[in-house]
Amino acid sequence: MASAPLTVSVVAADHEVWSGPARQLIAKTVDGEIGILPGHEPMLAILAAGEVRVTLEDGSKIVANAEDGFLSVENNTVTVVAGNATLVTSS
C-alpha cells in the first residue's frame, strides 16, 4: 500500500512561495542537509541559507532558495518558513 504524500508549504515572511503534495523534500539546515519522506518523525530544524528541493508525485522538481527560518514536520505536513525565499526552478 502506497503511503500518503507529503503536504509541503514553502513560505517567506510576506508571501507563499509554493505549496502542494510531494514525494520528498530536501533542505539545508544548520546541522546539515536533511531529507524528508512520508512517515517522517515530527521535528523542528533551523534552516541554513541554501536550496529547498521538492520532488513532486510525478517526479518533477521544485527548487527554492531559502534563508533565515525553520522547517517543521508533523503528520506528513512539512512547513518551511523563511525570512527570505524565492522560487528558482520548476520542472
PDB file of N, CA and C in Angstrom:
ATOM      1  N   MET A   1       0.841  -1.177   0.000  1.00  0.00           N
ATOM      2  CA  MET A   1       0.000   0.000   0.000  1.00  0.00           C
ATOM      3  C   MET A   1       0.885   1.239   0.000  1.00  0.00           C
ATOM      4  N   ALA A   2       0.628   2.160  -0.905  1.00  0.00           N
ATOM      5  CA  ALA A   2       1.417   3.385  -1.003  1.00  0.00           C
ATOM      6  C   ALA A   2       1.071   4.321   0.150  1.00  0.00           C
ATOM      7  N   SER A   3       2.100   5.003   0.643  1.00  0.00           N
ATOM      8  CA  SER A   3       1.848   5.950   1.728  1.00  0.00           C
ATOM      9  C   SER A   3       1.323   7.263   1.151  1.00  0.00           C
ATOM     10  N   ALA A   4       0.648   8.012   1.997  1.00  0.00           N
ATOM     11  CA  ALA A   4       0.110   9.314   1.588  1.00  0.00           C
ATOM     12  C   ALA A   4       1.270  10.248   1.278  1.00  0.00           C
ATOM     13  N   PRO A   5       1.091  11.159   0.317  1.00  0.00           N
ATOM     14  CA  PRO A   5       2.170  12.104   0.004  1.00  0.00           C
ATOM     15  C   PRO A   5       2.347  13.120   1.129  1.00  0.00           C
ATOM     16  N   LEU A   6       3.479  13.790   1.076  1.00  0.00           N
ATOM     17  CA  LEU A   6       3.708  14.918   1.968  1.00  0.00           C
ATOM     18  C   LEU A   6       2.849  16.093   1.500  1.00  0.00           C
ATOM     19  N   THR A   7       2.435  16.912   2.429  1.00  0.00           N
ATOM     20  CA  THR A   7       1.819  18.199   2.110  1.00  0.00           C
ATOM     21  C   THR A   7       2.872  19.239   2.460  1.00  0.00           C
ATOM     22  N   VAL A   8       3.371  19.946   1.456  1.00  0.00           N
ATOM     23  CA  VAL A   8       4.503  20.860   1.640  1.00  0.00           C
ATOM     24  C   VAL A   8       4.058  22.295   1.418  1.00  0.00           C
ATOM     25  N   SER A   9       4.526  23.199   2.292  1.00  0.00           N
ATOM     26  CA  SER A   9       4.347  24.641   2.124  1.00  0.00           C
ATOM     27  C   SER A   9       5.693  25.313   2.319  1.00  0.00           C
ATOM     28  N   VAL A  10       6.087  26.119   1.344  1.00  0.00           N
ATOM     29  CA  VAL A  10       7.301  26.930   1.463  1.00  0.00           C
ATOM     30  C   VAL A  10       6.829  28.379   1.458  1.00  0.00           C
ATOM     31  N   VAL A  11       7.063  29.073   2.555  1.00  0.00           N
ATOM     32  CA  VAL A  11       6.593  30.449   2.682  1.00  0.00           C
ATOM     33  C   VAL A  11       7.726  31.379   3.103  1.00  0.00           C
ATOM     34  N   ALA A  12       7.657  32.594   2.587  1.00  0.00           N
ATOM     35  CA  ALA A  12       8.559  33.660   3.014  1.00  0.00           C
ATOM     36  C   ALA A  12       7.801  34.516   4.015  1.00  0.00           C
ATOM     37  N   ALA A  13       8.447  35.506   4.554  1.00  0.00           N
ATOM     38  CA  ALA A  13       7.812  36.359   5.562  1.00  0.00           C
ATOM     39  C   ALA A  13       6.559  37.038   5.033  1.00  0.00           C
ATOM     40  N   ASP A  14       6.553  37.365   3.739  1.00  0.00           N
ATOM     41  CA  ASP A  14       5.440  38.156   3.205  1.00  0.00           C
ATOM     42  C   ASP A  14       4.637  37.478   2.092  1.00  0.00           C
ATOM     43  N   HIS A  15       4.977  36.235   1.720  1.00  0.00           N
ATOM     44  CA  HIS A  15       4.229  35.566   0.658  1.00  0.00           C
ATOM     45  C   HIS A  15       4.478  34.057   0.644  1.00  0.00           C
ATOM     46  N   GLU A  16       3.553  33.340   0.018  1.00  0.00           N
ATOM     47  CA  GLU A  16       3.737  31.905  -0.179  1.00  0.00           C
ATOM     48  C   GLU A  16       4.558  31.694  -1.446  1.00  0.00           C
ATOM     49  N   VAL A  17       5.611  30.889  -1.341  1.00  0.00           N
ATOM     50  CA  VAL A  17       6.471  30.605  -2.483  1.00  0.00           C
ATOM     51  C   VAL A  17       5.916  29.427  -3.281  1.00  0.00           C
ATOM     52  N   TRP A  18       5.548  28.355  -2.596  1.00  0.00           N
ATOM     53  CA  TRP A  18       4.980  27.179  -3.256  1.00  0.00           C
ATOM     54  C   TRP A  18       4.318  26.294  -2.207  1.00  0.00           C
ATOM     55  N   SER A  19       3.243  25.608  -2.610  1.00  0.00           N
ATOM     56  CA  SER A  19       2.651  24.597  -1.732  1.00  0.00           C
ATOM     57  C   SER A  19       1.968  23.543  -2.594  1.00  0.00           C
ATOM     58  N   GLY A  20       1.917  22.322  -2.058  1.00  0.00           N
ATOM     59  CA  GLY A  20       1.265  21.235  -2.761  1.00  0.00           C
ATOM     60  C   GLY A  20       1.731  19.891  -2.259  1.00  0.00           C
ATOM     61  N   PRO A  21       1.233  18.817  -2.866  1.00  0.00           N
ATOM     62  CA  PRO A  21       1.640  17.469  -2.475  1.00  0.00           C
ATOM     63  C   PRO A  21       3.017  17.143  -3.047  1.00  0.00           C
ATOM     64  N   ALA A  22       3.781  16.338  -2.327  1.00  0.00           N
ATOM     65  CA  ALA A  22       5.130  15.992  -2.771  1.00  0.00           C
ATOM     66  C   ALA A  22       5.511  14.596  -2.301  1.00  0.00           C
ATOM     67  N   ARG A  23       6.495  14.063  -2.974  1.00  0.00           N
ATOM     68  CA  ARG A  23       7.054  12.748  -2.660  1.00  0.00           C
ATOM     69  C   ARG A  23       8.205  12.863  -1.650  1.00  0.00           C
ATOM     70  N   GLN A  24       8.961  13.980  -1.745  1.00  0.00           N
ATOM     71  CA  GLN A  24      10.172  14.140  -0.936  1.00  0.00           C
ATOM     72  C   GLN A  24      10.545  15.611  -0.859  1.00  0.00           C
ATOM     73  N   LEU A  25      11.214  15.997   0.229  1.00  0.00           N
ATOM     74  CA  LEU A  25      11.760  17.346   0.378  1.00  0.00           C
ATOM     75  C   LEU A  25      13.163  17.225   0.935  1.00  0.00           C
ATOM     76  N   ILE A  26      14.085  18.000   0.388  1.00  0.00           N
ATOM     77  CA  ILE A  26      15.460  18.055   0.891  1.00  0.00           C
ATOM     78  C   ILE A  26      15.773  19.515   1.176  1.00  0.00           C
ATOM     79  N   ALA A  27      16.290  19.800   2.363  1.00  0.00           N
ATOM     80  CA  ALA A  27      16.609  21.181   2.743  1.00  0.00           C
ATOM     81  C   ALA A  27      17.927  21.218   3.500  1.00  0.00           C
ATOM     82  N   LYS A  28      18.565  22.377   3.473  1.00  0.00           N
ATOM     83  CA  LYS A  28      19.814  22.592   4.197  1.00  0.00           C
ATOM     84  C   LYS A  28      19.495  23.211   5.548  1.00  0.00           C
ATOM     85  N   THR A  29      19.929  22.533   6.625  1.00  0.00           N
ATOM     86  CA  THR A  29      19.745  23.063   7.972  1.00  0.00           C
ATOM     87  C   THR A  29      21.107  23.405   8.557  1.00  0.00           C
ATOM     88  N   VAL A  30      21.117  24.029   9.719  1.00  0.00           N
ATOM     89  CA  VAL A  30      22.389  24.379  10.355  1.00  0.00           C
ATOM     90  C   VAL A  30      23.175  23.128  10.759  1.00  0.00           C
ATOM     91  N   ASP A  31      22.488  21.980  10.851  1.00  0.00           N
ATOM     92  CA  ASP A  31      23.159  20.725  11.200  1.00  0.00           C
ATOM     93  C   ASP A  31      23.504  19.886   9.973  1.00  0.00           C
ATOM     94  N   GLY A  32      23.205  20.374   8.784  1.00  0.00           N
ATOM     95  CA  GLY A  32      23.479  19.646   7.549  1.00  0.00           C
ATOM     96  C   GLY A  32      22.215  19.468   6.734  1.00  0.00           C
ATOM     97  N   GLU A  33      22.351  18.785   5.612  1.00  0.00           N
ATOM     98  CA  GLU A  33      21.212  18.571   4.725  1.00  0.00           C
ATOM     99  C   GLU A  33      20.322  17.462   5.281  1.00  0.00           C
ATOM    100  N   ILE A  34      19.002  17.636   5.122  1.00  0.00           N
ATOM    101  CA  ILE A  34      18.058  16.647   5.626  1.00  0.00           C
ATOM    102  C   ILE A  34      17.050  16.314   4.533  1.00  0.00           C
ATOM    103  N   GLY A  35      16.690  15.049   4.467  1.00  0.00           N
ATOM    104  CA  GLY A  35      15.672  14.584   3.532  1.00  0.00           C
ATOM    105  C   GLY A  35      14.429  14.167   4.304  1.00  0.00           C
ATOM    106  N   ILE A  36      13.281  14.554   3.806  1.00  0.00           N
ATOM    107  CA  ILE A  36      12.012  14.230   4.452  1.00  0.00           C
ATOM    108  C   ILE A  36      11.175  13.396   3.483  1.00  0.00           C
ATOM    109  N   LEU A  37      10.722  12.239   3.934  1.00  0.00           N
ATOM    110  CA  LEU A  37       9.833  11.372   3.175  1.00  0.00           C
ATOM    111  C   LEU A  37       8.549  11.187   3.970  1.00  0.00           C
ATOM    112  N   PRO A  38       7.474  10.722   3.330  1.00  0.00           N
ATOM    113  CA  PRO A  38       6.245  10.445   4.085  1.00  0.00           C
ATOM    114  C   PRO A  38       6.536   9.516   5.273  1.00  0.00           C
ATOM    115  N   GLY A  39       5.878   9.784   6.380  1.00  0.00           N
ATOM    116  CA  GLY A  39       6.077   8.985   7.591  1.00  0.00           C
ATOM    117  C   GLY A  39       7.214   9.461   8.472  1.00  0.00           C
ATOM    118  N   HIS A  40       7.871  10.570   8.111  1.00  0.00           N
ATOM    119  CA  HIS A  40       8.991  11.090   8.913  1.00  0.00           C
ATOM    120  C   HIS A  40       8.504  11.460  10.310  1.00  0.00           C
ATOM    121  N   GLU A  41       9.346  11.243  11.283  1.00  0.00           N
ATOM    122  CA  GLU A  41       9.045  11.625  12.663  1.00  0.00           C
ATOM    123  C   GLU A  41       8.875  13.140  12.768  1.00  0.00           C
ATOM    124  N   PRO A  42       8.038  13.617  13.696  1.00  0.00           N
ATOM    125  CA  PRO A  42       7.921  15.062  13.908  1.00  0.00           C
ATOM    126  C   PRO A  42       9.271  15.670  14.271  1.00  0.00           C
ATOM    127  N   MET A  43       9.535  16.857  13.742  1.00  0.00           N
ATOM    128  CA  MET A  43      10.807  17.521  14.043  1.00  0.00           C
ATOM    129  C   MET A  43      10.702  19.002  13.744  1.00  0.00           C
ATOM    130  N   LEU A  44      11.651  19.735  14.274  1.00  0.00           N
ATOM    131  CA  LEU A  44      11.796  21.162  14.016  1.00  0.00           C
ATOM    132  C   LEU A  44      13.281  21.410  13.797  1.00  0.00           C
ATOM    133  N   ALA A  45      13.639  22.106  12.712  1.00  0.00           N
ATOM    134  CA  ALA A  45      15.044  22.368  12.407  1.00  0.00           C
ATOM    135  C   ALA A  45      15.206  23.811  11.967  1.00  0.00           C
ATOM    136  N   ILE A  46      16.369  24.375  12.241  1.00  0.00           N
ATOM    137  CA  ILE A  46      16.697  25.735  11.822  1.00  0.00           C
ATOM    138  C   ILE A  46      17.337  25.667  10.443  1.00  0.00           C
ATOM    139  N   LEU A  47      16.807  26.461   9.508  1.00  0.00           N
ATOM    140  CA  LEU A  47      17.345  26.478   8.146  1.00  0.00           C
ATOM    141  C   LEU A  47      18.679  27.194   8.073  1.00  0.00           C
ATOM    142  N   ALA A  48      19.530  26.706   7.202  1.00  0.00           N
ATOM    143  CA  ALA A  48      20.723  27.430   6.791  1.00  0.00           C
ATOM    144  C   ALA A  48      20.410  27.981   5.401  1.00  0.00           C
ATOM    145  N   ALA A  49      21.121  28.996   4.974  1.00  0.00           N
ATOM    146  CA  ALA A  49      20.903  29.536   3.633  1.00  0.00           C
ATOM    147  C   ALA A  49      21.204  28.454   2.609  1.00  0.00           C
ATOM    148  N   GLY A  50      20.274  28.233   1.683  1.00  0.00           N
ATOM    149  CA  GLY A  50      20.502  27.222   0.654  1.00  0.00           C
ATOM    150  C   GLY A  50      19.220  26.815  -0.026  1.00  0.00           C
ATOM    151  N   GLU A  51      19.319  25.743  -0.802  1.00  0.00           N
ATOM    152  CA  GLU A  51      18.189  25.276  -1.580  1.00  0.00           C
ATOM    153  C   GLU A  51      17.236  24.398  -0.776  1.00  0.00           C
ATOM    154  N   VAL A  52      15.976  24.526  -1.098  1.00  0.00           N
ATOM    155  CA  VAL A  52      14.941  23.598  -0.656  1.00  0.00           C
ATOM    156  C   VAL A  52      14.486  22.902  -1.935  1.00  0.00           C
ATOM    157  N   ARG A  53      14.702  21.589  -2.015  1.00  0.00           N
ATOM    158  CA  ARG A  53      14.359  20.837  -3.221  1.00  0.00           C
ATOM    159  C   ARG A  53      13.169  19.933  -2.928  1.00  0.00           C
ATOM    160  N   VAL A  54      12.119  20.084  -3.714  1.00  0.00           N
ATOM    161  CA  VAL A  54      10.887  19.319  -3.532  1.00  0.00           C
ATOM    162  C   VAL A  54      10.684  18.443  -4.761  1.00  0.00           C
ATOM    163  N   THR A  55      10.525  17.141  -4.544  1.00  0.00           N
ATOM    164  CA  THR A  55      10.202  16.219  -5.631  1.00  0.00           C
ATOM    165  C   THR A  55       8.705  15.970  -5.579  1.00  0.00           C
ATOM    166  N   LEU A  56       8.034  16.286  -6.677  1.00  0.00           N
ATOM    167  CA  LEU A  56       6.588  16.129  -6.745  1.00  0.00           C
ATOM    168  C   LEU A  56       6.220  14.683  -7.022  1.00  0.00           C
ATOM    169  N   GLU A  57       4.954  14.364  -6.912  1.00  0.00           N
ATOM    170  CA  GLU A  57       4.484  12.997  -7.103  1.00  0.00           C
ATOM    171  C   GLU A  57       4.761  12.470  -8.507  1.00  0.00           C
ATOM    172  N   ASP A  58       4.786  13.342  -9.504  1.00  0.00           N
ATOM    173  CA  ASP A  58       5.051  12.901 -10.871  1.00  0.00           C
ATOM    174  C   ASP A  58       6.540  12.863 -11.205  1.00  0.00           C
ATOM    175  N   GLY A  59       7.403  13.150 -10.205  1.00  0.00           N
ATOM    176  CA  GLY A  59       8.850  13.109 -10.395  1.00  0.00           C
ATOM    177  C   GLY A  59       9.471  14.441 -10.775  1.00  0.00           C
ATOM    178  N   SER A  60       8.665  15.450 -11.113  1.00  0.00           N
ATOM    179  CA  SER A  60       9.223  16.767 -11.413  1.00  0.00           C
ATOM    180  C   SER A  60       9.703  17.417 -10.117  1.00  0.00           C
ATOM    181  N   LYS A  61      10.496  18.462 -10.260  1.00  0.00           N
ATOM    182  CA  LYS A  61      11.118  19.084  -9.086  1.00  0.00           C
ATOM    183  C   LYS A  61      10.836  20.580  -9.020  1.00  0.00           C
ATOM    184  N   ILE A  62      10.756  21.062  -7.789  1.00  0.00           N
ATOM    185  CA  ILE A  62      10.649  22.483  -7.480  1.00  0.00           C
ATOM    186  C   ILE A  62      11.882  22.822  -6.644  1.00  0.00           C
ATOM    187  N   VAL A  63      12.558  23.919  -6.967  1.00  0.00           N
ATOM    188  CA  VAL A  63      13.717  24.353  -6.187  1.00  0.00           C
ATOM    189  C   VAL A  63      13.489  25.799  -5.763  1.00  0.00           C
ATOM    190  N   ALA A  64      13.691  26.058  -4.470  1.00  0.00           N
ATOM    191  CA  ALA A  64      13.586  27.414  -3.936  1.00  0.00           C
ATOM    192  C   ALA A  64      14.825  27.712  -3.106  1.00  0.00           C
ATOM    193  N   ASN A  65      15.254  28.948  -3.086  1.00  0.00           N
ATOM    194  CA  ASN A  65      16.305  29.388  -2.174  1.00  0.00           C
ATOM    195  C   ASN A  65      15.630  29.912  -0.921  1.00  0.00           C
ATOM    196  N   ALA A  66      16.131  29.508   0.225  1.00  0.00           N
ATOM    197  CA  ALA A  66      15.546  29.954   1.490  1.00  0.00           C
ATOM    198  C   ALA A  66      16.657  30.263   2.485  1.00  0.00           C
ATOM    199  N   GLU A  67      16.378  31.212   3.372  1.00  0.00           N
ATOM    200  CA  GLU A  67      17.340  31.537   4.436  1.00  0.00           C
ATOM    201  C   GLU A  67      16.613  32.142   5.628  1.00  0.00           C
ATOM    202  N   ASP A  68      17.261  32.068   6.771  1.00  0.00           N
ATOM    203  CA  ASP A  68      16.749  32.681   7.999  1.00  0.00           C
ATOM    204  C   ASP A  68      15.355  32.193   8.366  1.00  0.00           C
ATOM    205  N   GLY A  69      15.241  30.927   8.680  1.00  0.00           N
ATOM    206  CA  GLY A  69      13.933  30.413   9.049  1.00  0.00           C
ATOM    207  C   GLY A  69      14.015  29.041   9.682  1.00  0.00           C
ATOM    208  N   PHE A  70      12.919  28.301   9.563  1.00  0.00           N
ATOM    209  CA  PHE A  70      12.870  26.963  10.152  1.00  0.00           C
ATOM    210  C   PHE A  70      12.041  26.029   9.288  1.00  0.00           C
ATOM    211  N   LEU A  71      12.166  24.752   9.594  1.00  0.00           N
ATOM    212  CA  LEU A  71      11.453  23.687   8.908  1.00  0.00           C
ATOM    213  C   LEU A  71      10.767  22.850   9.976  1.00  0.00           C
ATOM    214  N   SER A  72       9.480  22.583   9.791  1.00  0.00           N
ATOM    215  CA  SER A  72       8.788  21.718  10.740  1.00  0.00           C
ATOM    216  C   SER A  72       8.132  20.569   9.985  1.00  0.00           C
ATOM    217  N   VAL A  73       8.081  19.413  10.649  1.00  0.00           N
ATOM    218  CA  VAL A  73       7.458  18.213  10.088  1.00  0.00           C
ATOM    219  C   VAL A  73       6.533  17.641  11.142  1.00  0.00           C
ATOM    220  N   GLU A  74       5.290  17.367  10.736  1.00  0.00           N
ATOM    221  CA  GLU A  74       4.343  16.702  11.629  1.00  0.00           C
ATOM    222  C   GLU A  74       3.201  16.136  10.797  1.00  0.00           C
ATOM    223  N   ASN A  75       2.908  14.853  10.997  1.00  0.00           N
ATOM    224  CA  ASN A  75       1.792  14.179  10.307  1.00  0.00           C
ATOM    225  C   ASN A  75       1.829  14.361   8.792  1.00  0.00           C
ATOM    226  N   ASN A  76       2.987  14.104   8.191  1.00  0.00           N
ATOM    227  CA  ASN A  76       3.180  14.226   6.737  1.00  0.00           C
ATOM    228  C   ASN A  76       2.961  15.641   6.206  1.00  0.00           C
ATOM    229  N   THR A  77       3.034  16.629   7.088  1.00  0.00           N
ATOM    230  CA  THR A  77       2.960  18.030   6.682  1.00  0.00           C
ATOM    231  C   THR A  77       4.307  18.678   6.953  1.00  0.00           C
ATOM    232  N   VAL A  78       4.894  19.242   5.899  1.00  0.00           N
ATOM    233  CA  VAL A  78       6.194  19.914   6.020  1.00  0.00           C
ATOM    234  C   VAL A  78       5.974  21.393   5.741  1.00  0.00           C
ATOM    235  N   THR A  79       6.395  22.223   6.682  1.00  0.00           N
ATOM    236  CA  THR A  79       6.279  23.664   6.525  1.00  0.00           C
ATOM    237  C   THR A  79       7.673  24.275   6.603  1.00  0.00           C
ATOM    238  N   VAL A  80       8.046  24.994   5.559  1.00  0.00           N
ATOM    239  CA  VAL A  80       9.313  25.715   5.522  1.00  0.00           C
ATOM    240  C   VAL A  80       8.969  27.194   5.615  1.00  0.00           C
ATOM    241  N   VAL A  81       9.412  27.840   6.689  1.00  0.00           N
ATOM    242  CA  VAL A  81       9.152  29.261   6.902  1.00  0.00           C
ATOM    243  C   VAL A  81      10.499  29.971   6.866  1.00  0.00           C
ATOM    244  N   ALA A  82      10.651  30.882   5.906  1.00  0.00           N
ATOM    245  CA  ALA A  82      11.927  31.564   5.753  1.00  0.00           C
ATOM    246  C   ALA A  82      11.708  33.078   5.756  1.00  0.00           C
ATOM    247  N   GLY A  83      12.691  33.790   6.286  1.00  0.00           N
ATOM    248  CA  GLY A  83      12.641  35.246   6.244  1.00  0.00           C
ATOM    249  C   GLY A  83      12.716  35.734   4.811  1.00  0.00           C
ATOM    250  N   ASN A  84      13.442  34.984   3.990  1.00  0.00           N
ATOM    251  CA  ASN A  84      13.581  35.306   2.567  1.00  0.00           C
ATOM    252  C   ASN A  84      13.565  33.995   1.799  1.00  0.00           C
ATOM    253  N   ALA A  85      12.661  33.866   0.841  1.00  0.00           N
ATOM    254  CA  ALA A  85      12.589  32.667  -0.003  1.00  0.00           C
ATOM    255  C   ALA A  85      12.116  33.050  -1.390  1.00  0.00           C
ATOM    256  N   THR A  86      12.736  32.448  -2.391  1.00  0.00           N
ATOM    257  CA  THR A  86      12.365  32.699  -3.778  1.00  0.00           C
ATOM    258  C   THR A  86      12.348  31.393  -4.562  1.00  0.00           C
ATOM    259  N   LEU A  87      11.416  31.258  -5.469  1.00  0.00           N
ATOM    260  CA  LEU A  87      11.346  30.099  -6.343  1.00  0.00           C
ATOM    261  C   LEU A  87      12.423  30.232  -7.396  1.00  0.00           C
ATOM    262  N   VAL A  88      13.253  29.184  -7.552  1.00  0.00           N
ATOM    263  CA  VAL A  88      14.344  29.212  -8.510  1.00  0.00           C
ATOM    264  C   VAL A  88      13.932  28.503  -9.795  1.00  0.00           C
ATOM    265  N   THR A  89      13.481  27.255  -9.677  1.00  0.00           N
ATOM    266  CA  THR A  89      13.088  26.492 -10.861  1.00  0.00           C
ATOM    267  C   THR A  89      11.877  25.637 -10.567  1.00  0.00           C
ATOM    268  N   SER A  90      11.194  25.319 -11.611  1.00  0.00           N
ATOM    269  CA  SER A  90      10.066  24.415 -11.545  1.00  0.00           C
ATOM    270  C   SER A  90      10.104  23.589 -12.823  1.00  0.00           C
ATOM    271  N   SER A  91      10.276  22.270 -12.684  1.00  0.00           N
ATOM    272  CA  SER A  91      10.346  21.436 -13.888  1.00  0.00           C
ATOM    273  C   SER A  91       9.492  20.201 -13.756  1.00  0.00           C
TER     274      SER A  91
END
